[in-house]
Amino acid sequence: MHAEQRINGIIFSEYDYISAKTDWHFHENPYFMYALQGNLYDINKKQKMLCPSGSFLLHN
């Protein structure tokens, strides 16, 4: 994690993902994800999706 800021109950975080895969996990709260650069493969129980730079996702 590069940075994290909390404003009015909303948490803004910036991360670098350098590994090809992360282990299965879950998040307590819904979140938005914006890919700044590179490609991300978002894989969950329902679908697999390529998310290139500029992708904006909501995970509820």
PDB file of N, CA and C in Angstrom:
ATOM      1  N   MET A   1       0.849  -1.174   0.000  1.00  0.00           N
ATOM      2  CA  MET A   1       0.000   0.000   0.000  1.00  0.00           C
ATOM      3  C   MET A   1       0.895   1.238   0.000  1.00  0.00           C
ATOM      4  N   HIS A   2       0.601   2.149  -0.910  1.00  0.00           N
ATOM      5  CA  HIS A   2       1.360   3.407  -0.985  1.00  0.00           C
ATOM      6  C   HIS A   2       0.775   4.471  -0.067  1.00  0.00           C
ATOM      7  N   ALA A   3      -0.538   4.573  -0.059  1.00  0.00           N
ATOM      8  CA  ALA A   3      -1.172   5.641   0.716  1.00  0.00           C
ATOM      9  C   ALA A   3      -2.584   5.229   1.103  1.00  0.00           C
ATOM     10  N   GLU A   4      -3.060   5.834   2.190  1.00  0.00           N
ATOM     11  CA  GLU A   4      -4.439   5.633   2.601  1.00  0.00           C
ATOM     12  C   GLU A   4      -4.922   6.914   3.262  1.00  0.00           C
ATOM     13  N   GLN A   5      -6.132   7.329   2.885  1.00  0.00           N
ATOM     14  CA  GLN A   5      -6.715   8.529   3.466  1.00  0.00           C
ATOM     15  C   GLN A   5      -8.189   8.262   3.753  1.00  0.00           C
ATOM     16  N   ARG A   6      -8.664   8.722   4.900  1.00  0.00           N
ATOM     17  CA  ARG A   6     -10.068   8.542   5.299  1.00  0.00           C
ATOM     18  C   ARG A   6     -10.751   9.901   5.316  1.00  0.00           C
ATOM     19  N   ILE A   7     -11.878   9.972   4.584  1.00  0.00           N
ATOM     20  CA  ILE A   7     -12.641  11.217   4.523  1.00  0.00           C
ATOM     21  C   ILE A   7     -14.121  10.885   4.680  1.00  0.00           C
ATOM     22  N   ASN A   8     -14.745  11.387   5.735  1.00  0.00           N
ATOM     23  CA  ASN A   8     -16.176  11.186   5.992  1.00  0.00           C
ATOM     24  C   ASN A   8     -16.606   9.718   5.885  1.00  0.00           C
ATOM     25  N   GLY A   9     -15.840   8.825   6.474  1.00  0.00           N
ATOM     26  CA  GLY A   9     -16.196   7.406   6.483  1.00  0.00           C
ATOM     27  C   GLY A   9     -15.821   6.653   5.222  1.00  0.00           C
ATOM     28  N   ILE A  10     -15.214   7.326   4.247  1.00  0.00           N
ATOM     29  CA  ILE A  10     -14.763   6.671   3.006  1.00  0.00           C
ATOM     30  C   ILE A  10     -13.251   6.543   3.070  1.00  0.00           C
ATOM     31  N   ILE A  11     -12.744   5.367   2.721  1.00  0.00           N
ATOM     32  CA  ILE A  11     -11.308   5.111   2.746  1.00  0.00           C
ATOM     33  C   ILE A  11     -10.789   5.086   1.317  1.00  0.00           C
ATOM     34  N   PHE A  12      -9.789   5.915   1.034  1.00  0.00           N
ATOM     35  CA  PHE A  12      -9.118   5.930  -0.259  1.00  0.00           C
ATOM     36  C   PHE A  12      -7.745   5.300  -0.073  1.00  0.00           C
ATOM     37  N   SER A  13      -7.444   4.266  -0.869  1.00  0.00           N
ATOM     38  CA  SER A  13      -6.167   3.559  -0.746  1.00  0.00           C
ATOM     39  C   SER A  13      -5.523   3.425  -2.113  1.00  0.00           C
ATOM     40  N   GLU A  14      -4.202   3.436  -2.127  1.00  0.00           N
ATOM     41  CA  GLU A  14      -3.449   3.224  -3.363  1.00  0.00           C
ATOM     42  C   GLU A  14      -2.506   2.040  -3.159  1.00  0.00           C
ATOM     43  N   TYR A  15      -2.588   1.082  -4.078  1.00  0.00           N
ATOM     44  CA  TYR A  15      -1.791  -0.141  -3.986  1.00  0.00           C
ATOM     45  C   TYR A  15      -1.049  -0.407  -5.274  1.00  0.00           C
ATOM     46  N   ASP A  16       0.086  -1.077  -5.175  1.00  0.00           N
ATOM     47  CA  ASP A  16       0.778  -1.685  -6.314  1.00  0.00           C
ATOM     48  C   ASP A  16       0.618  -3.184  -6.165  1.00  0.00           C
ATOM     49  N   TYR A  17       0.172  -3.846  -7.211  1.00  0.00           N
ATOM     50  CA  TYR A  17       0.090  -5.303  -7.210  1.00  0.00           C
ATOM     51  C   TYR A  17       1.176  -5.824  -8.128  1.00  0.00           C
ATOM     52  N   ILE A  18       2.157  -6.491  -7.545  1.00  0.00           N
ATOM     53  CA  ILE A  18       3.277  -6.960  -8.351  1.00  0.00           C
ATOM     54  C   ILE A  18       3.254  -8.473  -8.557  1.00  0.00           C
ATOM     55  N   SER A  19       2.447  -9.181  -7.797  1.00  0.00           N
ATOM     56  CA  SER A  19       2.365 -10.625  -7.981  1.00  0.00           C
ATOM     57  C   SER A  19       1.292 -10.942  -9.019  1.00  0.00           C
ATOM     58  N   ALA A  20       1.437 -12.065  -9.655  1.00  0.00           N
ATOM     59  CA  ALA A  20       0.492 -12.461 -10.704  1.00  0.00           C
ATOM     60  C   ALA A  20      -0.847 -12.914 -10.137  1.00  0.00           C
ATOM     61  N   LYS A  21      -0.870 -13.291  -8.859  1.00  0.00           N
ATOM     62  CA  LYS A  21      -2.087 -13.850  -8.283  1.00  0.00           C
ATOM     63  C   LYS A  21      -2.128 -13.570  -6.787  1.00  0.00           C
ATOM     64  N   THR A  22      -3.332 -13.332  -6.269  1.00  0.00           N
ATOM     65  CA  THR A  22      -3.508 -13.230  -4.821  1.00  0.00           C
ATOM     66  C   THR A  22      -4.410 -14.371  -4.368  1.00  0.00           C
ATOM     67  N   ASP A  23      -4.220 -14.817  -3.167  1.00  0.00           N
ATOM     68  CA  ASP A  23      -5.059 -15.876  -2.622  1.00  0.00           C
ATOM     69  C   ASP A  23      -6.490 -15.379  -2.459  1.00  0.00           C
ATOM     70  N   TRP A  24      -7.444 -16.319  -2.410  1.00  0.00           N
ATOM     71  CA  TRP A  24      -8.839 -15.959  -2.231  1.00  0.00           C
ATOM     72  C   TRP A  24      -8.986 -15.205  -0.924  1.00  0.00           C
ATOM     73  N   HIS A  25      -9.783 -14.135  -0.957  1.00  0.00           N
ATOM     74  CA  HIS A  25     -10.045 -13.341   0.232  1.00  0.00           C
ATOM     75  C   HIS A  25     -11.383 -12.631   0.063  1.00  0.00           C
ATOM     76  N   PHE A  26     -11.817 -11.913   1.070  1.00  0.00           N
ATOM     77  CA  PHE A  26     -13.061 -11.160   0.970  1.00  0.00           C
ATOM     78  C   PHE A  26     -12.877  -9.806   1.633  1.00  0.00           C
ATOM     79  N   HIS A  27     -13.810  -8.902   1.340  1.00  0.00           N
ATOM     80  CA  HIS A  27     -13.806  -7.569   1.915  1.00  0.00           C
ATOM     81  C   HIS A  27     -15.111  -7.378   2.686  1.00  0.00           C
ATOM     82  N   GLU A  28     -15.030  -6.768   3.837  1.00  0.00           N
ATOM     83  CA  GLU A  28     -16.219  -6.534   4.657  1.00  0.00           C
ATOM     84  C   GLU A  28     -17.158  -5.528   4.026  1.00  0.00           C
ATOM     85  N   ASN A  29     -16.615  -4.551   3.331  1.00  0.00           N
ATOM     86  CA  ASN A  29     -17.411  -3.456   2.784  1.00  0.00           C
ATOM     87  C   ASN A  29     -17.316  -3.424   1.256  1.00  0.00           C
ATOM     88  N   PRO A  30     -18.337  -2.874   0.611  1.00  0.00           N
ATOM     89  CA  PRO A  30     -18.253  -2.682  -0.843  1.00  0.00           C
ATOM     90  C   PRO A  30     -17.101  -1.726  -1.157  1.00  0.00           C
ATOM     91  N   TYR A  31     -16.558  -1.836  -2.371  1.00  0.00           N
ATOM     92  CA  TYR A  31     -15.484  -0.920  -2.747  1.00  0.00           C
ATOM     93  C   TYR A  31     -15.441  -0.720  -4.253  1.00  0.00           C
ATOM     94  N   PHE A  32     -14.891   0.432  -4.635  1.00  0.00           N
ATOM     95  CA  PHE A  32     -14.608   0.748  -6.028  1.00  0.00           C
ATOM     96  C   PHE A  32     -13.132   0.494  -6.269  1.00  0.00           C
ATOM     97  N   MET A  33     -12.808   0.105  -7.484  1.00  0.00           N
ATOM     98  CA  MET A  33     -11.403  -0.081  -7.867  1.00  0.00           C
ATOM     99  C   MET A  33     -11.184   0.606  -9.202  1.00  0.00           C
ATOM    100  N   TYR A  34     -10.119   1.386  -9.295  1.00  0.00           N
ATOM    101  CA  TYR A  34      -9.759   2.067 -10.534  1.00  0.00           C
ATOM    102  C   TYR A  34      -8.339   1.652 -10.881  1.00  0.00           C
ATOM    103  N   ALA A  35      -8.141   1.079 -12.062  1.00  0.00           N
ATOM    104  CA  ALA A  35      -6.809   0.638 -12.498  1.00  0.00           C
ATOM    105  C   ALA A  35      -6.090   1.814 -13.145  1.00  0.00           C
ATOM    106  N   LEU A  36      -5.011   2.258 -12.524  1.00  0.00           N
ATOM    107  CA  LEU A  36      -4.263   3.403 -13.037  1.00  0.00           C
ATOM    108  C   LEU A  36      -3.384   3.038 -14.224  1.00  0.00           C
ATOM    109  N   GLN A  37      -2.733   1.880 -14.145  1.00  0.00           N
ATOM    110  CA  GLN A  37      -1.878   1.447 -15.254  1.00  0.00           C
ATOM    111  C   GLN A  37      -1.737  -0.061 -15.232  1.00  0.00           C
ATOM    112  N   GLY A  38      -1.373  -0.610 -16.371  1.00  0.00           N
ATOM    113  CA  GLY A  38      -1.220  -2.059 -16.484  1.00  0.00           C
ATOM    114  C   GLY A  38      -2.553  -2.749 -16.668  1.00  0.00           C
ATOM    115  N   ASN A  39      -2.548  -4.056 -16.551  1.00  0.00           N
ATOM    116  CA  ASN A  39      -3.746  -4.878 -16.695  1.00  0.00           C
ATOM    117  C   ASN A  39      -3.993  -5.643 -15.408  1.00  0.00           C
ATOM    118  N   LEU A  40      -5.250  -5.816 -15.092  1.00  0.00           N
ATOM    119  CA  LEU A  40      -5.644  -6.588 -13.925  1.00  0.00           C
ATOM    120  C   LEU A  40      -6.640  -7.640 -14.390  1.00  0.00           C
ATOM    121  N   TYR A  41      -6.469  -8.858 -13.954  1.00  0.00           N
ATOM    122  CA  TYR A  41      -7.455  -9.903 -14.210  1.00  0.00           C
ATOM    123  C   TYR A  41      -8.263 -10.079 -12.939  1.00  0.00           C
ATOM    124  N   ASP A  42      -9.519  -9.679 -12.993  1.00  0.00           N
ATOM    125  CA  ASP A  42     -10.402  -9.806 -11.846  1.00  0.00           C
ATOM    126  C   ASP A  42     -11.159 -11.118 -11.988  1.00  0.00           C
ATOM    127  N   ILE A  43     -10.915 -12.033 -11.074  1.00  0.00           N
ATOM    128  CA  ILE A  43     -11.524 -13.361 -11.135  1.00  0.00           C
ATOM    129  C   ILE A  43     -12.281 -13.590  -9.831  1.00  0.00           C
ATOM    130  N   ASN A  44     -13.570 -13.910  -9.962  1.00  0.00           N
ATOM    131  CA  ASN A  44     -14.358 -14.240  -8.790  1.00  0.00           C
ATOM    132  C   ASN A  44     -15.214 -15.462  -9.103  1.00  0.00           C
ATOM    133  N   LYS A  45     -16.125 -15.808  -8.221  1.00  0.00           N
ATOM    134  CA  LYS A  45     -16.926 -17.020  -8.415  1.00  0.00           C
ATOM    135  C   LYS A  45     -17.866 -16.928  -9.605  1.00  0.00           C
ATOM    136  N   LYS A  46     -18.213 -15.709 -10.037  1.00  0.00           N
ATOM    137  CA  LYS A  46     -19.180 -15.532 -11.115  1.00  0.00           C
ATOM    138  C   LYS A  46     -18.560 -15.312 -12.485  1.00  0.00           C
ATOM    139  N   GLN A  47     -17.381 -14.659 -12.548  1.00  0.00           N
ATOM    140  CA  GLN A  47     -16.817 -14.319 -13.850  1.00  0.00           C
ATOM    141  C   GLN A  47     -15.325 -14.055 -13.784  1.00  0.00           C
ATOM    142  N   LYS A  48     -14.710 -14.007 -14.969  1.00  0.00           N
ATOM    143  CA  LYS A  48     -13.317 -13.604 -15.137  1.00  0.00           C
ATOM    144  C   LYS A  48     -13.323 -12.409 -16.079  1.00  0.00           C
ATOM    145  N   MET A  49     -12.602 -11.353 -15.711  1.00  0.00           N
ATOM    146  CA  MET A  49     -12.651 -10.143 -16.511  1.00  0.00           C
ATOM    147  C   MET A  49     -11.274  -9.492 -16.603  1.00  0.00           C
ATOM    148  N   LEU A  50     -10.887  -9.091 -17.804  1.00  0.00           N
ATOM    149  CA  LEU A  50      -9.662  -8.326 -18.003  1.00  0.00           C
ATOM    150  C   LEU A  50      -9.988  -6.862 -17.772  1.00  0.00           C
ATOM    151  N   CYS A  51      -9.203  -6.203 -16.938  1.00  0.00           N
ATOM    152  CA  CYS A  51      -9.422  -4.797 -16.611  1.00  0.00           C
ATOM    153  C   CYS A  51      -8.159  -4.010 -16.988  1.00  0.00           C
ATOM    154  N   PRO A  52      -8.135  -3.405 -18.159  1.00  0.00           N
ATOM    155  CA  PRO A  52      -6.966  -2.614 -18.559  1.00  0.00           C
ATOM    156  C   PRO A  52      -6.948  -1.266 -17.836  1.00  0.00           C
ATOM    157  N   SER A  53      -5.902  -0.499 -18.047  1.00  0.00           N
ATOM    158  CA  SER A  53      -5.806   0.841 -17.459  1.00  0.00           C
ATOM    159  C   SER A  53      -7.076   1.625 -17.739  1.00  0.00           C
ATOM    160  N   GLY A  54      -7.546   2.349 -16.746  1.00  0.00           N
ATOM    161  CA  GLY A  54      -8.755   3.136 -16.894  1.00  0.00           C
ATOM    162  C   GLY A  54     -10.021   2.404 -16.491  1.00  0.00           C
ATOM    163  N   SER A  55      -9.916   1.127 -16.135  1.00  0.00           N
ATOM    164  CA  SER A  55     -11.084   0.363 -15.700  1.00  0.00           C
ATOM    165  C   SER A  55     -11.538   0.820 -14.323  1.00  0.00           C
ATOM    166  N   PHE A  56     -12.850   0.890 -14.143  1.00  0.00           N
ATOM    167  CA  PHE A  56     -13.456   1.300 -12.881  1.00  0.00           C
ATOM    168  C   PHE A  56     -14.480   0.243 -12.494  1.00  0.00           C
ATOM    169  N   LEU A  57     -14.277  -0.426 -11.379  1.00  0.00           N
ATOM    170  CA  LEU A  57     -15.133  -1.523 -10.959  1.00  0.00           C
ATOM    171  C   LEU A  57     -15.773  -1.244  -9.604  1.00  0.00           C
ATOM    172  N   LEU A  58     -16.976  -1.776  -9.415  1.00  0.00           N
ATOM    173  CA  LEU A  58     -17.616  -1.770  -8.105  1.00  0.00           C
ATOM    174  C   LEU A  58     -17.743  -3.206  -7.660  1.00  0.00           C
ATOM    175  N   HIS A  59     -17.245  -3.504  -6.488  1.00  0.00           N
ATOM    176  CA  HIS A  59     -17.422  -4.821  -5.870  1.00  0.00           C
ATOM    177  C   HIS A  59     -18.302  -4.631  -4.647  1.00  0.00           C
ATOM    178  N   ASN A  60     -19.504  -5.195  -4.717  1.00  0.00           N
ATOM    179  CA  ASN A  60     -20.405  -5.022  -3.579  1.00  0.00           C
ATOM    180  C   ASN A  60     -20.460  -6.279  -2.758  1.00  0.00           C
TER     181      ASN A  60
END
